[in-house]
Amino acid sequence: MEQQSATARDKFKHGGLEPHSINILRLISELEGAYQLTKYMAFDDDNTIINDMKQRYYKLYYQTVKQEKNALPSNSS
């Protein structure tokens, strides 16, 4: 039990969460929410920064999905 608990806590340390496509998508979701709020509150400078961040992470997401698909073994019978 102690070992499992320590492993779970490691995910919440700096660099502890692997950059899998699903985790990048979770980050994009959070950025989309922040983007909408900054837009509605007219924080234009922050909105621009968040939009730039979203674009970088969308690009990373699609690259990661492609890498993950290529890493899967093919199911040819």
C-alpha atoms as a PDB file:
ATOM      1  CA  MET A   1       0.000   0.000   0.000  1.00  0.00           C
ATOM      2  CA  GLU A   2       2.823   2.388   0.912  1.00  0.00           C
ATOM      3  CA  GLN A   3       4.616   1.746  -2.429  1.00  0.00           C
ATOM      4  CA  GLN A   4       1.449   2.327  -4.459  1.00  0.00           C
ATOM      5  CA  SER A   5       0.774   5.575  -2.612  1.00  0.00           C
ATOM      6  CA  ALA A   6       4.277   6.876  -3.327  1.00  0.00           C
ATOM      7  CA  THR A   7       3.913   6.049  -7.032  1.00  0.00           C
ATOM      8  CA  ALA A   8       0.603   7.914  -7.246  1.00  0.00           C
ATOM      9  CA  ARG A   9       2.136  10.978  -5.602  1.00  0.00           C
ATOM     10  CA  ASP A  10       4.984  11.003  -8.132  1.00  0.00           C
ATOM     11  CA  LYS A  11       2.490  11.992 -10.841  1.00  0.00           C
ATOM     12  CA  PHE A  12       1.921  15.296  -9.088  1.00  0.00           C
ATOM     13  CA  LYS A  13       5.573  16.312  -8.988  1.00  0.00           C
ATOM     14  CA  HIS A  14       7.202  18.517 -11.622  1.00  0.00           C
ATOM     15  CA  GLY A  15       7.595  16.359 -14.716  1.00  0.00           C
ATOM     16  CA  GLY A  16       5.676  13.479 -13.144  1.00  0.00           C
ATOM     17  CA  LEU A  17       2.846  13.354 -15.685  1.00  0.00           C
ATOM     18  CA  GLU A  18       3.790  11.746 -18.993  1.00  0.00           C
ATOM     19  CA  PRO A  19       3.084  13.797 -22.148  1.00  0.00           C
ATOM     20  CA  HIS A  20       0.689  11.229 -23.633  1.00  0.00           C
ATOM     21  CA  SER A  21      -1.895  12.511 -26.097  1.00  0.00           C
ATOM     22  CA  ILE A  22      -4.724  12.271 -23.550  1.00  0.00           C
ATOM     23  CA  ASN A  23      -2.803  14.428 -21.057  1.00  0.00           C
ATOM     24  CA  ILE A  24      -2.020  17.006 -23.727  1.00  0.00           C
ATOM     25  CA  LEU A  25      -5.710  17.033 -24.637  1.00  0.00           C
ATOM     26  CA  ARG A  26      -6.576  17.684 -20.992  1.00  0.00           C
ATOM     27  CA  LEU A  27      -4.207  20.663 -21.038  1.00  0.00           C
ATOM     28  CA  ILE A  28      -5.762  21.965 -24.270  1.00  0.00           C
ATOM     29  CA  SER A  29      -9.199  21.719 -22.665  1.00  0.00           C
ATOM     30  CA  GLU A  30      -8.052  23.873 -19.749  1.00  0.00           C
ATOM     31  CA  LEU A  31      -6.516  26.400 -22.156  1.00  0.00           C
ATOM     32  CA  GLU A  32      -9.741  26.542 -24.179  1.00  0.00           C
ATOM     33  CA  GLY A  33     -11.636  27.435 -21.003  1.00  0.00           C
ATOM     34  CA  ALA A  34      -9.126  30.129 -20.076  1.00  0.00           C
ATOM     35  CA  TYR A  35      -9.274  31.462 -23.644  1.00  0.00           C
ATOM     36  CA  GLN A  36     -13.063  31.860 -23.472  1.00  0.00           C
ATOM     37  CA  LEU A  37     -12.947  33.587 -20.087  1.00  0.00           C
ATOM     38  CA  THR A  38     -10.235  36.038 -21.161  1.00  0.00           C
ATOM     39  CA  LYS A  39     -12.209  36.754 -24.338  1.00  0.00           C
ATOM     40  CA  TYR A  40     -15.446  37.484 -22.454  1.00  0.00           C
ATOM     41  CA  MET A  41     -13.631  39.678 -19.930  1.00  0.00           C
ATOM     42  CA  ALA A  42     -11.786  41.554 -22.702  1.00  0.00           C
ATOM     43  CA  PHE A  43      -8.298  40.639 -21.475  1.00  0.00           C
ATOM     44  CA  ASP A  44      -7.007  40.874 -25.030  1.00  0.00           C
ATOM     45  CA  ASP A  45      -3.264  40.579 -24.304  1.00  0.00           C
ATOM     46  CA  ASP A  46      -3.775  37.466 -22.189  1.00  0.00           C
ATOM     47  CA  ASN A  47      -6.174  36.079 -24.761  1.00  0.00           C
ATOM     48  CA  THR A  48      -3.506  36.380 -27.450  1.00  0.00           C
ATOM     49  CA  ILE A  49      -0.933  34.612 -25.280  1.00  0.00           C
ATOM     50  CA  ILE A  50      -3.315  31.764 -24.481  1.00  0.00           C
ATOM     51  CA  ASN A  51      -4.229  31.418 -28.156  1.00  0.00           C
ATOM     52  CA  ASP A  52      -0.531  31.076 -29.047  1.00  0.00           C
ATOM     53  CA  MET A  53      -0.157  28.439 -26.345  1.00  0.00           C
ATOM     54  CA  LYS A  54      -3.183  26.538 -27.655  1.00  0.00           C
ATOM     55  CA  GLN A  55      -1.720  26.448 -31.153  1.00  0.00           C
ATOM     56  CA  ARG A  56       1.574  24.996 -29.856  1.00  0.00           C
ATOM     57  CA  TYR A  57      -0.206  22.321 -27.836  1.00  0.00           C
ATOM     58  CA  TYR A  58      -2.588  21.388 -30.647  1.00  0.00           C
ATOM     59  CA  LYS A  59       0.455  20.840 -32.869  1.00  0.00           C
ATOM     60  CA  LEU A  60       2.116  18.753 -30.144  1.00  0.00           C
ATOM     61  CA  TYR A  61      -1.106  16.791 -29.638  1.00  0.00           C
ATOM     62  CA  TYR A  62      -1.373  15.794 -33.302  1.00  0.00           C
ATOM     63  CA  GLN A  63       2.326  14.874 -33.441  1.00  0.00           C
ATOM     64  CA  THR A  64       1.950  12.759 -30.312  1.00  0.00           C
ATOM     65  CA  VAL A  65      -1.161  10.972 -31.625  1.00  0.00           C
ATOM     66  CA  LYS A  66       0.721  10.134 -34.810  1.00  0.00           C
ATOM     67  CA  GLN A  67       3.699   8.788 -32.837  1.00  0.00           C
ATOM     68  CA  GLU A  68       1.449   6.735 -30.581  1.00  0.00           C
ATOM     69  CA  LYS A  69      -0.370   5.225 -33.584  1.00  0.00           C
ATOM     70  CA  ASN A  70       2.928   4.341 -35.232  1.00  0.00           C
ATOM     71  CA  ALA A  71       4.149   2.698 -32.013  1.00  0.00           C
ATOM     72  CA  LEU A  72       1.139   0.358 -31.846  1.00  0.00           C
ATOM     73  CA  PRO A  73       1.664  -3.129 -33.277  1.00  0.00           C
ATOM     74  CA  SER A  74      -0.285  -3.656 -36.490  1.00  0.00           C
ATOM     75  CA  ASN A  75      -3.227  -6.069 -36.398  1.00  0.00           C
ATOM     76  CA  SER A  76      -2.714  -7.711 -39.774  1.00  0.00           C
ATOM     77  CA  SER A  77      -3.992 -11.307 -39.900  1.00  0.00           C
END
